Amino acid sequence: MNIVVLAGGYSPERDVSFSSGSLIANALMKVGHKVALIDSLIGVDTIDESIFRDDVVHNYRVKTEEPDLEELKKNHDNGGSLIGKNVIEICKKADIVFIALHRWDR
């Protein structure tokens, strides 16, 4: 199965989301699935099925400081959207989308 794991996003918890998403992606590949770990804010350049892999080990460590969300948004202009380049398109190519985004309420 081709599975997209959506992680990151626009939240102070984006690093925790990447950590969770990495563990989820690794577990899915271990049982035989092809996985694309995608940052929902930044997106991807390619939308073909080569993005789904079963031979990558994702390691992500949570940083001690919160990400600068405004800087991220400025550096990855999505026209005001919080959905990155080709995210919707690659999700349509997947059999399943696993949402590993973390919500933050202050």
PDB file of N, CA and C in Angstrom:
ATOM      1  N   MET A   1       0.827  -1.170   0.000  1.00  0.00           N
ATOM      2  CA  MET A   1       0.000   0.000   0.000  1.00  0.00           C
ATOM      3  C   MET A   1       0.883   1.250   0.000  1.00  0.00           C
ATOM      4  N   ASN A   2       0.482   2.283  -0.702  1.00  0.00           N
ATOM      5  CA  ASN A   2       1.159   3.577  -0.671  1.00  0.00           C
ATOM      6  C   ASN A   2       0.465   4.446   0.374  1.00  0.00           C
ATOM      7  N   ILE A   3       1.256   4.915   1.344  1.00  0.00           N
ATOM      8  CA  ILE A   3       0.693   5.673   2.460  1.00  0.00           C
ATOM      9  C   ILE A   3       1.431   7.001   2.601  1.00  0.00           C
ATOM     10  N   VAL A   4       0.673   8.086   2.701  1.00  0.00           N
ATOM     11  CA  VAL A   4       1.229   9.388   3.043  1.00  0.00           C
ATOM     12  C   VAL A   4       1.082   9.570   4.546  1.00  0.00           C
ATOM     13  N   VAL A   5       2.167   9.978   5.201  1.00  0.00           N
ATOM     14  CA  VAL A   5       2.118  10.380   6.602  1.00  0.00           C
ATOM     15  C   VAL A   5       2.329  11.892   6.601  1.00  0.00           C
ATOM     16  N   LEU A   6       1.275  12.631   6.966  1.00  0.00           N
ATOM     17  CA  LEU A   6       1.362  14.091   7.042  1.00  0.00           C
ATOM     18  C   LEU A   6       1.863  14.502   8.413  1.00  0.00           C
ATOM     19  N   ALA A   7       2.919  15.299   8.436  1.00  0.00           N
ATOM     20  CA  ALA A   7       3.515  15.747   9.695  1.00  0.00           C
ATOM     21  C   ALA A   7       3.905  17.211   9.565  1.00  0.00           C
ATOM     22  N   GLY A   8       4.475  17.743  10.633  1.00  0.00           N
ATOM     23  CA  GLY A   8       4.949  19.127  10.616  1.00  0.00           C
ATOM     24  C   GLY A   8       3.823  20.116  10.759  1.00  0.00           C
ATOM     25  N   GLY A   9       3.521  20.793   9.674  1.00  0.00           N
ATOM     26  CA  GLY A   9       2.432  21.751   9.678  1.00  0.00           C
ATOM     27  C   GLY A   9       2.794  23.062  10.333  1.00  0.00           C
ATOM     28  N   TYR A  10       1.781  23.856  10.580  1.00  0.00           N
ATOM     29  CA  TYR A  10       1.948  25.203  11.130  1.00  0.00           C
ATOM     30  C   TYR A  10       1.500  25.205  12.587  1.00  0.00           C
ATOM     31  N   SER A  11       2.401  24.792  13.459  1.00  0.00           N
ATOM     32  CA  SER A  11       2.094  24.684  14.878  1.00  0.00           C
ATOM     33  C   SER A  11       3.405  24.680  15.655  1.00  0.00           C
ATOM     34  N   PRO A  12       3.420  25.223  16.865  1.00  0.00           N
ATOM     35  CA  PRO A  12       4.610  25.105  17.704  1.00  0.00           C
ATOM     36  C   PRO A  12       4.972  23.638  17.973  1.00  0.00           C
ATOM     37  N   GLU A  13       4.035  22.741  17.748  1.00  0.00           N
ATOM     38  CA  GLU A  13       4.255  21.310  17.958  1.00  0.00           C
ATOM     39  C   GLU A  13       4.774  20.598  16.706  1.00  0.00           C
ATOM     40  N   ARG A  14       5.183  21.353  15.670  1.00  0.00           N
ATOM     41  CA  ARG A  14       5.582  20.733  14.403  1.00  0.00           C
ATOM     42  C   ARG A  14       6.741  19.751  14.576  1.00  0.00           C
ATOM     43  N   ASP A  15       7.692  20.050  15.453  1.00  0.00           N
ATOM     44  CA  ASP A  15       8.809  19.129  15.653  1.00  0.00           C
ATOM     45  C   ASP A  15       8.362  17.832  16.316  1.00  0.00           C
ATOM     46  N   VAL A  16       7.450  17.930  17.255  1.00  0.00           N
ATOM     47  CA  VAL A  16       6.896  16.731  17.886  1.00  0.00           C
ATOM     48  C   VAL A  16       6.135  15.916  16.840  1.00  0.00           C
ATOM     49  N   SER A  17       5.431  16.602  15.962  1.00  0.00           N
ATOM     50  CA  SER A  17       4.711  15.945  14.881  1.00  0.00           C
ATOM     51  C   SER A  17       5.669  15.198  13.954  1.00  0.00           C
ATOM     52  N   PHE A  18       6.817  15.815  13.623  1.00  0.00           N
ATOM     53  CA  PHE A  18       7.817  15.122  12.793  1.00  0.00           C
ATOM     54  C   PHE A  18       8.364  13.892  13.498  1.00  0.00           C
ATOM     55  N   SER A  19       8.568  13.987  14.790  1.00  0.00           N
ATOM     56  CA  SER A  19       9.043  12.837  15.547  1.00  0.00           C
ATOM     57  C   SER A  19       8.019  11.705  15.488  1.00  0.00           C
ATOM     58  N   SER A  20       6.763  12.037  15.758  1.00  0.00           N
ATOM     59  CA  SER A  20       5.693  11.027  15.671  1.00  0.00           C
ATOM     60  C   SER A  20       5.583  10.471  14.265  1.00  0.00           C
ATOM     61  N   GLY A  21       5.570  11.364  13.284  1.00  0.00           N
ATOM     62  CA  GLY A  21       5.443  10.938  11.892  1.00  0.00           C
ATOM     63  C   GLY A  21       6.574  10.022  11.455  1.00  0.00           C
ATOM     64  N   SER A  22       7.782  10.302  11.919  1.00  0.00           N
ATOM     65  CA  SER A  22       8.932   9.450  11.592  1.00  0.00           C
ATOM     66  C   SER A  22       8.757   8.045  12.138  1.00  0.00           C
ATOM     67  N   LEU A  23       8.328   7.957  13.391  1.00  0.00           N
ATOM     68  CA  LEU A  23       8.103   6.639  13.998  1.00  0.00           C
ATOM     69  C   LEU A  23       6.990   5.879  13.273  1.00  0.00           C
ATOM     70  N   ILE A  24       5.935   6.584  12.922  1.00  0.00           N
ATOM     71  CA  ILE A  24       4.812   5.967  12.194  1.00  0.00           C
ATOM     72  C   ILE A  24       5.272   5.490  10.823  1.00  0.00           C
ATOM     73  N   ALA A  25       5.992   6.342  10.104  1.00  0.00           N
ATOM     74  CA  ALA A  25       6.486   5.974   8.770  1.00  0.00           C
ATOM     75  C   ALA A  25       7.386   4.745   8.837  1.00  0.00           C
ATOM     76  N   ASN A  26       8.304   4.725   9.801  1.00  0.00           N
ATOM     77  CA  ASN A  26       9.205   3.578   9.948  1.00  0.00           C
ATOM     78  C   ASN A  26       8.434   2.293  10.236  1.00  0.00           C
ATOM     79  N   ALA A  27       7.445   2.380  11.110  1.00  0.00           N
ATOM     80  CA  ALA A  27       6.647   1.193  11.455  1.00  0.00           C
ATOM     81  C   ALA A  27       5.866   0.690  10.239  1.00  0.00           C
ATOM     82  N   LEU A  28       5.319   1.602   9.458  1.00  0.00           N
ATOM     83  CA  LEU A  28       4.567   1.198   8.265  1.00  0.00           C
ATOM     84  C   LEU A  28       5.465   0.536   7.234  1.00  0.00           C
ATOM     85  N   MET A  29       6.675   1.082   7.046  1.00  0.00           N
ATOM     86  CA  MET A  29       7.606   0.466   6.093  1.00  0.00           C
ATOM     87  C   MET A  29       8.056  -0.905   6.580  1.00  0.00           C
ATOM     88  N   LYS A  30       8.228  -1.033   7.873  1.00  0.00           N
ATOM     89  CA  LYS A  30       8.683  -2.308   8.449  1.00  0.00           C
ATOM     90  C   LYS A  30       7.709  -3.448   8.150  1.00  0.00           C
ATOM     91  N   VAL A  31       6.427  -3.126   8.036  1.00  0.00           N
ATOM     92  CA  VAL A  31       5.436  -4.171   7.747  1.00  0.00           C
ATOM     93  C   VAL A  31       5.087  -4.234   6.258  1.00  0.00           C
ATOM     94  N   GLY A  32       5.895  -3.571   5.419  1.00  0.00           N
ATOM     95  CA  GLY A  32       5.783  -3.781   3.985  1.00  0.00           C
ATOM     96  C   GLY A  32       5.112  -2.699   3.156  1.00  0.00           C
ATOM     97  N   HIS A  33       4.800  -1.562   3.750  1.00  0.00           N
ATOM     98  CA  HIS A  33       4.157  -0.499   2.984  1.00  0.00           C
ATOM     99  C   HIS A  33       5.194   0.469   2.421  1.00  0.00           C
ATOM    100  N   LYS A  34       4.814   1.190   1.371  1.00  0.00           N
ATOM    101  CA  LYS A  34       5.629   2.280   0.848  1.00  0.00           C
ATOM    102  C   LYS A  34       5.046   3.567   1.403  1.00  0.00           C
ATOM    103  N   VAL A  35       5.939   4.434   1.886  1.00  0.00           N
ATOM    104  CA  VAL A  35       5.496   5.597   2.650  1.00  0.00           C
ATOM    105  C   VAL A  35       6.141   6.870   2.122  1.00  0.00           C
ATOM    106  N   ALA A  36       5.365   7.939   2.140  1.00  0.00           N
ATOM    107  CA  ALA A  36       5.877   9.290   1.890  1.00  0.00           C
ATOM    108  C   ALA A  36       5.598  10.109   3.135  1.00  0.00           C
ATOM    109  N   LEU A  37       6.652  10.533   3.830  1.00  0.00           N
ATOM    110  CA  LEU A  37       6.526  11.397   4.999  1.00  0.00           C
ATOM    111  C   LEU A  37       6.574  12.835   4.484  1.00  0.00           C
ATOM    112  N   ILE A  38       5.466  13.549   4.621  1.00  0.00           N
ATOM    113  CA  ILE A  38       5.315  14.866   3.996  1.00  0.00           C
ATOM    114  C   ILE A  38       5.067  15.937   5.060  1.00  0.00           C
ATOM    115  N   ASP A  39       5.770  17.058   4.932  1.00  0.00           N
ATOM    116  CA  ASP A  39       5.481  18.231   5.752  1.00  0.00           C
ATOM    117  C   ASP A  39       4.293  18.935   5.114  1.00  0.00           C
ATOM    118  N   SER A  40       3.190  18.978   5.818  1.00  0.00           N
ATOM    119  CA  SER A  40       1.969  19.544   5.240  1.00  0.00           C
ATOM    120  C   SER A  40       2.089  21.039   4.957  1.00  0.00           C
ATOM    121  N   LEU A  41       2.999  21.740   5.619  1.00  0.00           N
ATOM    122  CA  LEU A  41       3.190  23.163   5.372  1.00  0.00           C
ATOM    123  C   LEU A  41       4.083  23.407   4.158  1.00  0.00           C
ATOM    124  N   ILE A  42       5.148  22.649   4.025  1.00  0.00           N
ATOM    125  CA  ILE A  42       6.123  22.879   2.956  1.00  0.00           C
ATOM    126  C   ILE A  42       5.754  22.130   1.679  1.00  0.00           C
ATOM    127  N   GLY A  43       5.304  20.896   1.803  1.00  0.00           N
ATOM    128  CA  GLY A  43       4.913  20.130   0.629  1.00  0.00           C
ATOM    129  C   GLY A  43       6.084  19.459  -0.055  1.00  0.00           C
ATOM    130  N   VAL A  44       5.874  19.100  -1.323  1.00  0.00           N
ATOM    131  CA  VAL A  44       6.869  18.361  -2.097  1.00  0.00           C
ATOM    132  C   VAL A  44       6.942  18.898  -3.520  1.00  0.00           C
ATOM    133  N   ASP A  45       8.090  18.666  -4.159  1.00  0.00           N
ATOM    134  CA  ASP A  45       8.249  19.095  -5.556  1.00  0.00           C
ATOM    135  C   ASP A  45       7.701  18.068  -6.533  1.00  0.00           C
ATOM    136  N   THR A  46       7.815  16.793  -6.177  1.00  0.00           N
ATOM    137  CA  THR A  46       7.393  15.739  -7.085  1.00  0.00           C
ATOM    138  C   THR A  46       6.062  15.142  -6.646  1.00  0.00           C
ATOM    139  N   ILE A  47       5.241  14.781  -7.617  1.00  0.00           N
ATOM    140  CA  ILE A  47       3.962  14.160  -7.260  1.00  0.00           C
ATOM    141  C   ILE A  47       3.810  12.781  -7.895  1.00  0.00           C
ATOM    142  N   ASP A  48       4.925  12.214  -8.353  1.00  0.00           N
ATOM    143  CA  ASP A  48       4.811  10.871  -8.913  1.00  0.00           C
ATOM    144  C   ASP A  48       5.004   9.825  -7.819  1.00  0.00           C
ATOM    145  N   GLU A  49       4.748   8.597  -8.165  1.00  0.00           N
ATOM    146  CA  GLU A  49       4.739   7.537  -7.153  1.00  0.00           C
ATOM    147  C   GLU A  49       6.126   7.165  -6.639  1.00  0.00           C
ATOM    148  N   SER A  50       7.191   7.733  -7.228  1.00  0.00           N
ATOM    149  CA  SER A  50       8.535   7.454  -6.717  1.00  0.00           C
ATOM    150  C   SER A  50       8.752   8.055  -5.328  1.00  0.00           C
ATOM    151  N   ILE A  51       7.869   8.937  -4.920  1.00  0.00           N
ATOM    152  CA  ILE A  51       7.982   9.550  -3.590  1.00  0.00           C
ATOM    153  C   ILE A  51       7.658   8.543  -2.478  1.00  0.00           C
ATOM    154  N   PHE A  52       6.922   7.494  -2.825  1.00  0.00           N
ATOM    155  CA  PHE A  52       6.585   6.454  -1.850  1.00  0.00           C
ATOM    156  C   PHE A  52       7.759   5.488  -1.755  1.00  0.00           C
ATOM    157  N   ARG A  53       8.327   5.370  -0.556  1.00  0.00           N
ATOM    158  CA  ARG A  53       9.542   4.580  -0.369  1.00  0.00           C
ATOM    159  C   ARG A  53       9.354   3.546   0.726  1.00  0.00           C
ATOM    160  N   ASP A  54      10.129   2.483   0.628  1.00  0.00           N
ATOM    161  CA  ASP A  54      10.129   1.476   1.688  1.00  0.00           C
ATOM    162  C   ASP A  54      11.546   1.189   2.178  1.00  0.00           C
ATOM    163  N   ASP A  55      12.481   2.066   1.785  1.00  0.00           N
ATOM    164  CA  ASP A  55      13.892   1.825   2.091  1.00  0.00           C
ATOM    165  C   ASP A  55      14.558   3.007   2.798  1.00  0.00           C
ATOM    166  N   VAL A  56      13.776   3.816   3.491  1.00  0.00           N
ATOM    167  CA  VAL A  56      14.289   4.983   4.195  1.00  0.00           C
ATOM    168  C   VAL A  56      14.042   4.792   5.694  1.00  0.00           C
ATOM    169  N   VAL A  57      15.014   5.172   6.491  1.00  0.00           N
ATOM    170  CA  VAL A  57      14.800   5.184   7.936  1.00  0.00           C
ATOM    171  C   VAL A  57      14.734   6.644   8.352  1.00  0.00           C
ATOM    172  N   HIS A  58      13.602   7.038   8.906  1.00  0.00           N
ATOM    173  CA  HIS A  58      13.407   8.416   9.342  1.00  0.00           C
ATOM    174  C   HIS A  58      13.820   8.537  10.807  1.00  0.00           C
ATOM    175  N   ASN A  59      14.713   9.477  11.072  1.00  0.00           N
ATOM    176  CA  ASN A  59      15.124   9.787  12.441  1.00  0.00           C
ATOM    177  C   ASN A  59      14.900  11.267  12.650  1.00  0.00           C
ATOM    178  N   TYR A  60      14.141  11.614  13.640  1.00  0.00           N
ATOM    179  CA  TYR A  60      13.890  13.021  13.908  1.00  0.00           C
ATOM    180  C   TYR A  60      13.911  13.254  15.413  1.00  0.00           C
ATOM    181  N   ARG A  61      14.695  14.198  15.823  1.00  0.00           N
ATOM    182  CA  ARG A  61      14.774  14.561  17.233  1.00  0.00           C
ATOM    183  C   ARG A  61      14.087  15.902  17.443  1.00  0.00           C
ATOM    184  N   VAL A  62      13.285  15.975  18.464  1.00  0.00           N
ATOM    185  CA  VAL A  62      12.575  17.207  18.783  1.00  0.00           C
ATOM    186  C   VAL A  62      13.587  18.244  19.285  1.00  0.00           C
ATOM    187  N   LYS A  63      13.501  19.439  18.714  1.00  0.00           N
ATOM    188  CA  LYS A  63      14.397  20.523  19.122  1.00  0.00           C
ATOM    189  C   LYS A  63      13.942  21.109  20.453  1.00  0.00           C
ATOM    190  N   THR A  64      14.856  21.758  21.131  1.00  0.00           N
ATOM    191  CA  THR A  64      14.524  22.322  22.443  1.00  0.00           C
ATOM    192  C   THR A  64      13.763  23.641  22.331  1.00  0.00           C
ATOM    193  N   GLU A  65      13.915  24.352  21.202  1.00  0.00           N
ATOM    194  CA  GLU A  65      13.217  25.619  21.039  1.00  0.00           C
ATOM    195  C   GLU A  65      12.044  25.452  20.066  1.00  0.00           C
ATOM    196  N   GLU A  66      11.031  26.279  20.277  1.00  0.00           N
ATOM    197  CA  GLU A  66       9.878  26.250  19.373  1.00  0.00           C
ATOM    198  C   GLU A  66      10.287  26.764  18.003  1.00  0.00           C
ATOM    199  N   PRO A  67       9.675  26.249  16.943  1.00  0.00           N
ATOM    200  CA  PRO A  67      10.001  26.747  15.606  1.00  0.00           C
ATOM    201  C   PRO A  67       9.479  28.169  15.415  1.00  0.00           C
ATOM    202  N   ASP A  68      10.159  28.931  14.573  1.00  0.00           N
ATOM    203  CA  ASP A  68       9.721  30.274  14.219  1.00  0.00           C
ATOM    204  C   ASP A  68       8.704  30.144  13.091  1.00  0.00           C
ATOM    205  N   LEU A  69       7.438  30.093  13.468  1.00  0.00           N
ATOM    206  CA  LEU A  69       6.377  29.836  12.494  1.00  0.00           C
ATOM    207  C   LEU A  69       6.245  30.941  11.462  1.00  0.00           C
ATOM    208  N   GLU A  70       6.403  32.173  11.880  1.00  0.00           N
ATOM    209  CA  GLU A  70       6.294  33.275  10.918  1.00  0.00           C
ATOM    210  C   GLU A  70       7.420  33.216   9.894  1.00  0.00           C
ATOM    211  N   GLU A  71       8.613  32.847  10.333  1.00  0.00           N
ATOM    212  CA  GLU A  71       9.740  32.702   9.407  1.00  0.00           C
ATOM    213  C   GLU A  71       9.484  31.549   8.435  1.00  0.00           C
ATOM    214  N   LEU A  72       8.976  30.444   8.943  1.00  0.00           N
ATOM    215  CA  LEU A  72       8.631  29.312   8.077  1.00  0.00           C
ATOM    216  C   LEU A  72       7.605  29.707   7.031  1.00  0.00           C
ATOM    217  N   LYS A  73       6.570  30.399   7.464  1.00  0.00           N
ATOM    218  CA  LYS A  73       5.515  30.814   6.548  1.00  0.00           C
ATOM    219  C   LYS A  73       6.066  31.772   5.491  1.00  0.00           C
ATOM    220  N   LYS A  74       6.964  32.659   5.906  1.00  0.00           N
ATOM    221  CA  LYS A  74       7.570  33.613   4.974  1.00  0.00           C
ATOM    222  C   LYS A  74       8.459  32.893   3.955  1.00  0.00           C
ATOM    223  N   ASN A  75       9.228  31.911   4.417  1.00  0.00           N
ATOM    224  CA  ASN A  75      10.161  31.193   3.534  1.00  0.00           C
ATOM    225  C   ASN A  75       9.472  30.197   2.606  1.00  0.00           C
ATOM    226  N   HIS A  76       8.258  29.807   2.937  1.00  0.00           N
ATOM    227  CA  HIS A  76       7.525  28.836   2.134  1.00  0.00           C
ATOM    228  C   HIS A  76       6.147  29.412   1.817  1.00  0.00           C
ATOM    229  N   ASP A  77       6.148  30.446   1.001  1.00  0.00           N
ATOM    230  CA  ASP A  77       4.903  31.139   0.690  1.00  0.00           C
ATOM    231  C   ASP A  77       3.985  30.225  -0.107  1.00  0.00           C
ATOM    232  N   ASN A  78       2.871  29.919   0.496  1.00  0.00           N
ATOM    233  CA  ASN A  78       1.863  29.072  -0.150  1.00  0.00           C
ATOM    234  C   ASN A  78       0.650  29.900  -0.550  1.00  0.00           C
ATOM    235  N   GLY A  79       0.891  31.176  -0.807  1.00  0.00           N
ATOM    236  CA  GLY A  79      -0.217  32.046  -1.183  1.00  0.00           C
ATOM    237  C   GLY A  79      -1.230  32.224  -0.069  1.00  0.00           C
ATOM    238  N   GLY A  80      -0.759  32.232   1.169  1.00  0.00           N
ATOM    239  CA  GLY A  80      -1.650  32.394   2.311  1.00  0.00           C
ATOM    240  C   GLY A  80      -2.222  31.090   2.838  1.00  0.00           C
ATOM    241  N   SER A  81      -2.018  29.995   2.123  1.00  0.00           N
ATOM    242  CA  SER A  81      -2.534  28.697   2.553  1.00  0.00           C
ATOM    243  C   SER A  81      -1.553  28.030   3.513  1.00  0.00           C
ATOM    244  N   LEU A  82      -2.072  27.224   4.402  1.00  0.00           N
ATOM    245  CA  LEU A  82      -1.217  26.440   5.291  1.00  0.00           C
ATOM    246  C   LEU A  82      -0.966  25.041   4.737  1.00  0.00           C
ATOM    247  N   ILE A  83      -1.404  24.811   3.509  1.00  0.00           N
ATOM    248  CA  ILE A  83      -1.176  23.539   2.822  1.00  0.00           C
ATOM    249  C   ILE A  83      -0.092  23.769   1.770  1.00  0.00           C
ATOM    250  N   GLY A  84       0.981  22.999   1.856  1.00  0.00           N
ATOM    251  CA  GLY A  84       2.140  23.192   0.999  1.00  0.00           C
ATOM    252  C   GLY A  84       1.964  22.688  -0.424  1.00  0.00           C
ATOM    253  N   LYS A  85       3.008  22.926  -1.194  1.00  0.00           N
ATOM    254  CA  LYS A  85       3.051  22.586  -2.615  1.00  0.00           C
ATOM    255  C   LYS A  85       2.802  21.096  -2.845  1.00  0.00           C
ATOM    256  N   ASN A  86       1.821  20.788  -3.654  1.00  0.00           N
ATOM    257  CA  ASN A  86       1.489  19.431  -4.105  1.00  0.00           C
ATOM    258  C   ASN A  86       1.010  18.482  -3.005  1.00  0.00           C
ATOM    259  N   VAL A  87       0.701  18.985  -1.815  1.00  0.00           N
ATOM    260  CA  VAL A  87       0.263  18.103  -0.729  1.00  0.00           C
ATOM    261  C   VAL A  87      -1.045  17.397  -1.105  1.00  0.00           C
ATOM    262  N   ILE A  88      -1.997  18.131  -1.592  1.00  0.00           N
ATOM    263  CA  ILE A  88      -3.283  17.533  -1.971  1.00  0.00           C
ATOM    264  C   ILE A  88      -3.087  16.511  -3.092  1.00  0.00           C
ATOM    265  N   GLU A  89      -2.267  16.857  -4.067  1.00  0.00           N
ATOM    266  CA  GLU A  89      -2.043  15.974  -5.214  1.00  0.00           C
ATOM    267  C   GLU A  89      -1.392  14.657  -4.802  1.00  0.00           C
ATOM    268  N   ILE A  90      -0.376  14.713  -3.920  1.00  0.00           N
ATOM    269  CA  ILE A  90       0.278  13.466  -3.505  1.00  0.00           C
ATOM    270  C   ILE A  90      -0.637  12.649  -2.605  1.00  0.00           C
ATOM    271  N   CYS A  91      -1.475  13.307  -1.817  1.00  0.00           N
ATOM    272  CA  CYS A  91      -2.437  12.571  -0.995  1.00  0.00           C
ATOM    273  C   CYS A  91      -3.430  11.813  -1.871  1.00  0.00           C
ATOM    274  N   LYS A  92      -3.787  12.372  -3.005  1.00  0.00           N
ATOM    275  CA  LYS A  92      -4.706  11.701  -3.928  1.00  0.00           C
ATOM    276  C   LYS A  92      -4.087  10.448  -4.539  1.00  0.00           C
ATOM    277  N   LYS A  93      -2.756  10.386  -4.599  1.00  0.00           N
ATOM    278  CA  LYS A  93      -2.070   9.218  -5.155  1.00  0.00           C
ATOM    279  C   LYS A  93      -1.898   8.105  -4.117  1.00  0.00           C
ATOM    280  N   ALA A  94      -2.157   8.416  -2.857  1.00  0.00           N
ATOM    281  CA  ALA A  94      -1.983   7.440  -1.781  1.00  0.00           C
ATOM    282  C   ALA A  94      -3.219   6.578  -1.622  1.00  0.00           C
ATOM    283  N   ASP A  95      -3.009   5.374  -1.098  1.00  0.00           N
ATOM    284  CA  ASP A  95      -4.131   4.515  -0.719  1.00  0.00           C
ATOM    285  C   ASP A  95      -4.730   4.983   0.605  1.00  0.00           C
ATOM    286  N   ILE A  96      -3.857   5.496   1.478  1.00  0.00           N
ATOM    287  CA  ILE A  96      -4.272   5.966   2.801  1.00  0.00           C
ATOM    288  C   ILE A  96      -3.432   7.193   3.157  1.00  0.00           C
ATOM    289  N   VAL A  97      -4.028   8.128   3.885  1.00  0.00           N
ATOM    290  CA  VAL A  97      -3.292   9.262   4.440  1.00  0.00           C
ATOM    291  C   VAL A  97      -3.400   9.166   5.959  1.00  0.00           C
ATOM    292  N   PHE A  98      -2.249   9.106   6.614  1.00  0.00           N
ATOM    293  CA  PHE A  98      -2.185   9.046   8.072  1.00  0.00           C
ATOM    294  C   PHE A  98      -1.817  10.443   8.554  1.00  0.00           C
ATOM    295  N   ILE A  99      -2.664  11.048   9.343  1.00  0.00           N
ATOM    296  CA  ILE A  99      -2.426  12.411   9.804  1.00  0.00           C
ATOM    297  C   ILE A  99      -1.719  12.367  11.156  1.00  0.00           C
ATOM    298  N   ALA A 100      -0.463  12.815  11.144  1.00  0.00           N
ATOM    299  CA  ALA A 100       0.352  12.838  12.359  1.00  0.00           C
ATOM    300  C   ALA A 100       0.597  14.276  12.812  1.00  0.00           C
ATOM    301  N   LEU A 101      -0.314  15.168  12.451  1.00  0.00           N
ATOM    302  CA  LEU A 101      -0.193  16.566  12.846  1.00  0.00           C
ATOM    303  C   LEU A 101      -0.608  16.730  14.302  1.00  0.00           C
ATOM    304  N   HIS A 102       0.047  17.649  14.989  1.00  0.00           N
ATOM    305  CA  HIS A 102      -0.269  17.920  16.385  1.00  0.00           C
ATOM    306  C   HIS A 102      -0.942  19.273  16.489  1.00  0.00           C
ATOM    307  N   ARG A 103      -1.951  19.339  17.289  1.00  0.00           N
ATOM    308  CA  ARG A 103      -2.694  20.582  17.481  1.00  0.00           C
ATOM    309  C   ARG A 103      -2.171  21.288  18.718  1.00  0.00           C
ATOM    310  N   TRP A 104      -2.183  22.594  18.669  1.00  0.00           N
ATOM    311  CA  TRP A 104      -1.697  23.376  19.791  1.00  0.00           C
ATOM    312  C   TRP A 104      -2.707  24.460  20.100  1.00  0.00           C
ATOM    313  N   ASP A 105      -3.217  24.456  21.303  1.00  0.00           N
ATOM    314  CA  ASP A 105      -4.113  25.508  21.764  1.00  0.00           C
ATOM    315  C   ASP A 105      -3.437  26.241  22.912  1.00  0.00           C
ATOM    316  N   ARG A 106      -3.453  27.531  22.834  1.00  0.00           N
ATOM    317  CA  ARG A 106      -2.860  28.326  23.929  1.00  0.00           C
ATOM    318  C   ARG A 106      -3.938  29.054  24.644  1.00  0.00           C
TER     319      ARG A 106
END
